[in-house]
Amino acid sequence: MRLILAISPLIIALSACAEFPALDGTVSPAQANAPFPDLVPIASLIQQANVDGSASTLVEAAISARIANLRARASRLRGPVIPSSARARMLRGVQERAQ
């Protein structure tokens, strides 16, 4: 633990000396003033690609699988952050101290 505390100022000082690439002038004025693109539901993009014939079934399958994974991840994130058993235990501890 002491080693980390001793090395931390050195790391901070060295990071202050880092040189970053110059980014001025890398974006043209036309790009900088361009409007943001519209957000479009992906279903309409897939439908349009299928009508144009520019998307193969492999691409559609890959996108569909990715959509399914993202939806599953989102549903897992919607759950409670603290399990109900831990929440009940914490509430009992708060009630005991309040009395």
N, C-alpha and C. Protein backbone atom coordinates (compact mmCIF):
# COMPACT_ATOMS: atom_id res chain seq x y z
N MET A 1 0.82 -1.19 0.00
CA MET A 1 0.00 0.00 0.00
C MET A 1 0.87 1.25 0.00
N ARG A 2 1.95 1.23 0.79
CA ARG A 2 2.83 2.39 0.84
C ARG A 2 3.54 2.60 -0.49
N LEU A 3 3.84 1.48 -1.16
CA LEU A 3 4.50 1.59 -2.45
C LEU A 3 3.62 2.32 -3.45
N ILE A 4 2.35 2.00 -3.44
CA ILE A 4 1.40 2.65 -4.35
C ILE A 4 1.33 4.14 -4.05
N LEU A 5 1.28 4.49 -2.77
CA LEU A 5 1.23 5.91 -2.41
C LEU A 5 2.52 6.63 -2.78
N ALA A 6 3.63 5.95 -2.73
CA ALA A 6 4.90 6.57 -3.09
C ALA A 6 5.05 6.74 -4.59
N ILE A 7 4.50 5.81 -5.36
CA ILE A 7 4.64 5.85 -6.82
C ILE A 7 3.59 6.74 -7.48
N SER A 8 2.45 6.94 -6.84
CA SER A 8 1.36 7.72 -7.44
C SER A 8 1.78 9.12 -7.88
N PRO A 9 2.49 9.90 -7.05
CA PRO A 9 2.91 11.24 -7.53
C PRO A 9 3.82 11.17 -8.75
N LEU A 10 4.67 10.15 -8.81
CA LEU A 10 5.55 9.99 -9.96
C LEU A 10 4.75 9.72 -11.23
N ILE A 11 3.76 8.86 -11.11
CA ILE A 11 2.92 8.54 -12.28
C ILE A 11 2.16 9.78 -12.73
N ILE A 12 1.62 10.54 -11.80
CA ILE A 12 0.88 11.75 -12.15
C ILE A 12 1.80 12.76 -12.81
N ALA A 13 3.00 12.93 -12.28
CA ALA A 13 3.95 13.87 -12.86
C ALA A 13 4.36 13.45 -14.26
N LEU A 14 4.59 12.17 -14.47
CA LEU A 14 4.97 11.70 -15.80
C LEU A 14 3.84 11.83 -16.81
N SER A 15 2.62 11.64 -16.37
CA SER A 15 1.50 11.77 -17.30
C SER A 15 1.30 13.22 -17.71
N ALA A 16 1.69 14.17 -16.86
CA ALA A 16 1.59 15.58 -17.22
C ALA A 16 2.59 15.95 -18.30
N CYS A 17 3.63 15.18 -18.46
CA CYS A 17 4.66 15.45 -19.47
C CYS A 17 4.34 14.83 -20.82
N ALA A 18 3.26 14.11 -20.92
CA ALA A 18 2.93 13.43 -22.17
C ALA A 18 2.58 14.45 -23.25
N GLU A 19 3.02 14.16 -24.48
CA GLU A 19 2.69 15.02 -25.61
C GLU A 19 1.53 14.40 -26.37
N PHE A 20 0.55 15.22 -26.65
CA PHE A 20 -0.61 14.75 -27.39
C PHE A 20 -0.52 15.26 -28.82
N PRO A 21 -1.02 14.51 -29.77
CA PRO A 21 -0.93 14.95 -31.16
C PRO A 21 -1.79 16.20 -31.38
N ALA A 22 -1.31 17.05 -32.26
CA ALA A 22 -2.07 18.27 -32.58
C ALA A 22 -3.28 17.89 -33.42
N LEU A 23 -4.43 18.30 -32.97
CA LEU A 23 -5.67 17.97 -33.67
C LEU A 23 -6.26 19.18 -34.39
N ASP A 24 -5.64 20.34 -34.22
CA ASP A 24 -6.14 21.54 -34.89
C ASP A 24 -6.01 21.38 -36.40
N GLY A 25 -7.07 21.70 -37.11
CA GLY A 25 -7.04 21.65 -38.56
C GLY A 25 -7.25 20.27 -39.16
N THR A 26 -7.52 19.28 -38.34
CA THR A 26 -7.73 17.94 -38.90
C THR A 26 -9.16 17.75 -39.40
N VAL A 27 -10.07 18.60 -38.94
CA VAL A 27 -11.46 18.54 -39.39
C VAL A 27 -11.70 19.77 -40.26
N SER A 28 -12.22 19.53 -41.46
CA SER A 28 -12.48 20.65 -42.37
C SER A 28 -13.65 21.47 -41.84
N PRO A 29 -13.72 22.75 -42.21
CA PRO A 29 -14.84 23.58 -41.76
C PRO A 29 -16.20 23.02 -42.21
N ALA A 30 -16.24 22.40 -43.39
CA ALA A 30 -17.50 21.81 -43.87
C ALA A 30 -17.94 20.68 -42.95
N GLN A 31 -16.99 19.86 -42.50
CA GLN A 31 -17.33 18.77 -41.59
C GLN A 31 -17.71 19.30 -40.21
N ALA A 32 -17.03 20.34 -39.76
CA ALA A 32 -17.30 20.88 -38.43
C ALA A 32 -18.68 21.52 -38.36
N ASN A 33 -19.15 22.09 -39.47
CA ASN A 33 -20.44 22.77 -39.48
C ASN A 33 -21.56 21.91 -40.04
N ALA A 34 -21.27 20.67 -40.37
CA ALA A 34 -22.28 19.78 -40.94
C ALA A 34 -23.29 19.39 -39.86
N PRO A 35 -24.55 19.20 -40.24
CA PRO A 35 -25.55 18.78 -39.25
C PRO A 35 -25.32 17.33 -38.82
N PHE A 36 -25.78 17.01 -37.64
CA PHE A 36 -25.67 15.64 -37.17
C PHE A 36 -26.58 14.74 -37.99
N PRO A 37 -26.20 13.50 -38.24
CA PRO A 37 -27.06 12.60 -39.00
C PRO A 37 -28.31 12.23 -38.19
N ASP A 38 -29.37 11.95 -38.91
CA ASP A 38 -30.62 11.55 -38.25
C ASP A 38 -30.47 10.13 -37.71
N LEU A 39 -31.06 9.90 -36.54
CA LEU A 39 -31.10 8.54 -35.98
C LEU A 39 -32.30 7.82 -36.59
N VAL A 40 -32.03 6.65 -37.13
CA VAL A 40 -33.07 5.89 -37.82
C VAL A 40 -33.15 4.52 -37.17
N PRO A 41 -34.36 3.99 -36.97
CA PRO A 41 -34.47 2.63 -36.43
C PRO A 41 -33.79 1.63 -37.38
N ILE A 42 -33.13 0.67 -36.80
CA ILE A 42 -32.35 -0.28 -37.61
C ILE A 42 -33.26 -1.17 -38.46
N ALA A 43 -34.49 -1.38 -38.04
CA ALA A 43 -35.40 -2.24 -38.82
C ALA A 43 -35.62 -1.65 -40.20
N SER A 44 -35.78 -0.32 -40.28
CA SER A 44 -36.00 0.28 -41.60
C SER A 44 -34.74 0.19 -42.46
N LEU A 45 -33.56 0.26 -41.84
CA LEU A 45 -32.32 0.11 -42.60
C LEU A 45 -32.18 -1.30 -43.15
N ILE A 46 -32.52 -2.29 -42.34
CA ILE A 46 -32.45 -3.68 -42.80
C ILE A 46 -33.44 -3.91 -43.94
N GLN A 47 -34.65 -3.36 -43.78
CA GLN A 47 -35.67 -3.52 -44.81
C GLN A 47 -35.21 -2.86 -46.12
N GLN A 48 -34.63 -1.67 -46.01
CA GLN A 48 -34.15 -0.96 -47.19
C GLN A 48 -33.01 -1.74 -47.85
N ALA A 49 -32.11 -2.30 -47.06
CA ALA A 49 -31.00 -3.08 -47.62
C ALA A 49 -31.52 -4.33 -48.31
N ASN A 50 -32.56 -4.95 -47.76
CA ASN A 50 -33.11 -6.15 -48.38
C ASN A 50 -33.81 -5.82 -49.70
N VAL A 51 -34.47 -4.66 -49.76
CA VAL A 51 -35.14 -4.26 -51.00
C VAL A 51 -34.11 -3.96 -52.08
N ASP A 52 -33.04 -3.27 -51.68
CA ASP A 52 -31.99 -2.93 -52.65
C ASP A 52 -31.21 -4.16 -53.10
N GLY A 53 -31.25 -5.22 -52.31
CA GLY A 53 -30.49 -6.41 -52.63
C GLY A 53 -29.03 -6.29 -52.24
N SER A 54 -28.72 -5.29 -51.44
CA SER A 54 -27.32 -5.08 -51.07
C SER A 54 -26.92 -5.84 -49.81
N ALA A 55 -27.87 -6.43 -49.12
CA ALA A 55 -27.55 -7.17 -47.90
C ALA A 55 -27.79 -8.65 -48.14
N SER A 56 -26.85 -9.43 -47.74
CA SER A 56 -27.00 -10.87 -47.87
C SER A 56 -27.68 -11.41 -46.61
N THR A 57 -28.07 -12.64 -46.66
CA THR A 57 -28.70 -13.25 -45.49
C THR A 57 -27.71 -13.39 -44.34
N LEU A 58 -26.42 -13.50 -44.66
CA LEU A 58 -25.40 -13.58 -43.61
C LEU A 58 -25.32 -12.28 -42.83
N VAL A 59 -25.39 -11.17 -43.53
CA VAL A 59 -25.33 -9.86 -42.87
C VAL A 59 -26.56 -9.68 -42.00
N GLU A 60 -27.71 -10.03 -42.52
CA GLU A 60 -28.95 -9.90 -41.75
C GLU A 60 -28.91 -10.79 -40.51
N ALA A 61 -28.37 -11.99 -40.64
CA ALA A 61 -28.27 -12.90 -39.50
C ALA A 61 -27.31 -12.34 -38.46
N ALA A 62 -26.20 -11.76 -38.90
CA ALA A 62 -25.24 -11.19 -37.97
C ALA A 62 -25.83 -10.01 -37.23
N ILE A 63 -26.57 -9.17 -37.94
CA ILE A 63 -27.20 -8.01 -37.30
C ILE A 63 -28.28 -8.48 -36.35
N SER A 64 -29.06 -9.45 -36.76
CA SER A 64 -30.13 -9.96 -35.89
C SER A 64 -29.56 -10.56 -34.62
N ALA A 65 -28.46 -11.29 -34.74
CA ALA A 65 -27.84 -11.89 -33.56
C ALA A 65 -27.31 -10.79 -32.63
N ARG A 66 -26.73 -9.77 -33.21
CA ARG A 66 -26.21 -8.67 -32.38
C ARG A 66 -27.36 -7.94 -31.68
N ILE A 67 -28.45 -7.73 -32.40
CA ILE A 67 -29.62 -7.08 -31.80
C ILE A 67 -30.13 -7.91 -30.63
N ALA A 68 -30.21 -9.22 -30.83
CA ALA A 68 -30.68 -10.10 -29.75
C ALA A 68 -29.76 -10.04 -28.54
N ASN A 69 -28.46 -10.02 -28.77
CA ASN A 69 -27.50 -9.91 -27.66
C ASN A 69 -27.65 -8.59 -26.93
N LEU A 70 -27.80 -7.51 -27.68
CA LEU A 70 -27.95 -6.19 -27.04
C LEU A 70 -29.26 -6.10 -26.25
N ARG A 71 -30.32 -6.67 -26.79
CA ARG A 71 -31.60 -6.66 -26.05
C ARG A 71 -31.52 -7.49 -24.78
N ALA A 72 -30.82 -8.63 -24.86
CA ALA A 72 -30.66 -9.47 -23.66
C ALA A 72 -29.82 -8.75 -22.62
N ARG A 73 -28.79 -8.08 -23.05
CA ARG A 73 -27.95 -7.31 -22.12
C ARG A 73 -28.75 -6.18 -21.48
N ALA A 74 -29.56 -5.49 -22.28
CA ALA A 74 -30.39 -4.41 -21.75
C ALA A 74 -31.39 -4.92 -20.73
N SER A 75 -31.97 -6.09 -20.98
CA SER A 75 -32.94 -6.63 -20.02
C SER A 75 -32.25 -7.03 -18.72
N ARG A 76 -31.00 -7.52 -18.80
CA ARG A 76 -30.26 -7.83 -17.58
C ARG A 76 -29.94 -6.56 -16.79
N LEU A 77 -29.68 -5.48 -17.49
CA LEU A 77 -29.35 -4.22 -16.81
C LEU A 77 -30.58 -3.56 -16.18
N ARG A 78 -31.77 -3.94 -16.61
CA ARG A 78 -32.99 -3.35 -16.06
C ARG A 78 -33.34 -3.90 -14.68
N GLY A 79 -32.73 -4.97 -14.29
CA GLY A 79 -33.03 -5.59 -13.00
C GLY A 79 -32.58 -4.73 -11.85
N PRO A 80 -32.95 -5.13 -10.64
CA PRO A 80 -32.55 -4.35 -9.47
C PRO A 80 -31.04 -4.42 -9.28
N VAL A 81 -30.49 -3.32 -8.81
CA VAL A 81 -29.05 -3.25 -8.60
C VAL A 81 -28.67 -4.04 -7.35
N ILE A 82 -29.49 -3.94 -6.32
CA ILE A 82 -29.23 -4.63 -5.06
C ILE A 82 -30.24 -5.78 -4.96
N PRO A 83 -29.77 -7.00 -4.77
CA PRO A 83 -30.70 -8.13 -4.64
C PRO A 83 -31.66 -7.89 -3.48
N SER A 84 -32.86 -8.43 -3.59
CA SER A 84 -33.89 -8.19 -2.58
C SER A 84 -33.48 -8.68 -1.20
N SER A 85 -32.74 -9.78 -1.11
CA SER A 85 -32.31 -10.27 0.20
C SER A 85 -31.34 -9.29 0.86
N ALA A 86 -30.42 -8.74 0.08
CA ALA A 86 -29.47 -7.76 0.64
C ALA A 86 -30.19 -6.47 1.00
N ARG A 87 -31.16 -6.06 0.18
CA ARG A 87 -31.92 -4.84 0.47
C ARG A 87 -32.70 -4.99 1.78
N ALA A 88 -33.31 -6.15 1.99
CA ALA A 88 -34.06 -6.38 3.23
C ALA A 88 -33.13 -6.35 4.43
N ARG A 89 -31.94 -6.94 4.28
CA ARG A 89 -30.97 -6.95 5.38
C ARG A 89 -30.51 -5.52 5.70
N MET A 90 -30.28 -4.71 4.67
CA MET A 90 -29.86 -3.32 4.90
C MET A 90 -30.96 -2.52 5.57
N LEU A 91 -32.20 -2.73 5.13
CA LEU A 91 -33.32 -2.00 5.73
C LEU A 91 -33.49 -2.38 7.20
N ARG A 92 -33.29 -3.67 7.53
CA ARG A 92 -33.37 -4.08 8.94
C ARG A 92 -32.28 -3.37 9.75
N GLY A 93 -31.09 -3.25 9.19
CA GLY A 93 -30.00 -2.57 9.89
C GLY A 93 -30.30 -1.10 10.11
N VAL A 94 -30.93 -0.46 9.14
CA VAL A 94 -31.28 0.96 9.29
C VAL A 94 -32.38 1.12 10.34
N GLN A 95 -33.36 0.23 10.33
CA GLN A 95 -34.44 0.32 11.30
C GLN A 95 -33.93 0.07 12.71
N GLU A 96 -32.98 -0.85 12.88
CA GLU A 96 -32.44 -1.15 14.22
C GLU A 96 -31.69 0.05 14.76
N ARG A 97 -30.93 0.74 13.93
CA ARG A 97 -30.17 1.90 14.40
C ARG A 97 -31.08 3.08 14.67
N ALA A 98 -32.19 3.18 13.97
CA ALA A 98 -33.11 4.30 14.18
C ALA A 98 -33.83 4.18 15.51
N GLN A 99 -33.96 2.99 16.04
CA GLN A 99 -34.71 2.79 17.29
C GLN A 99 -33.89 3.07 18.49
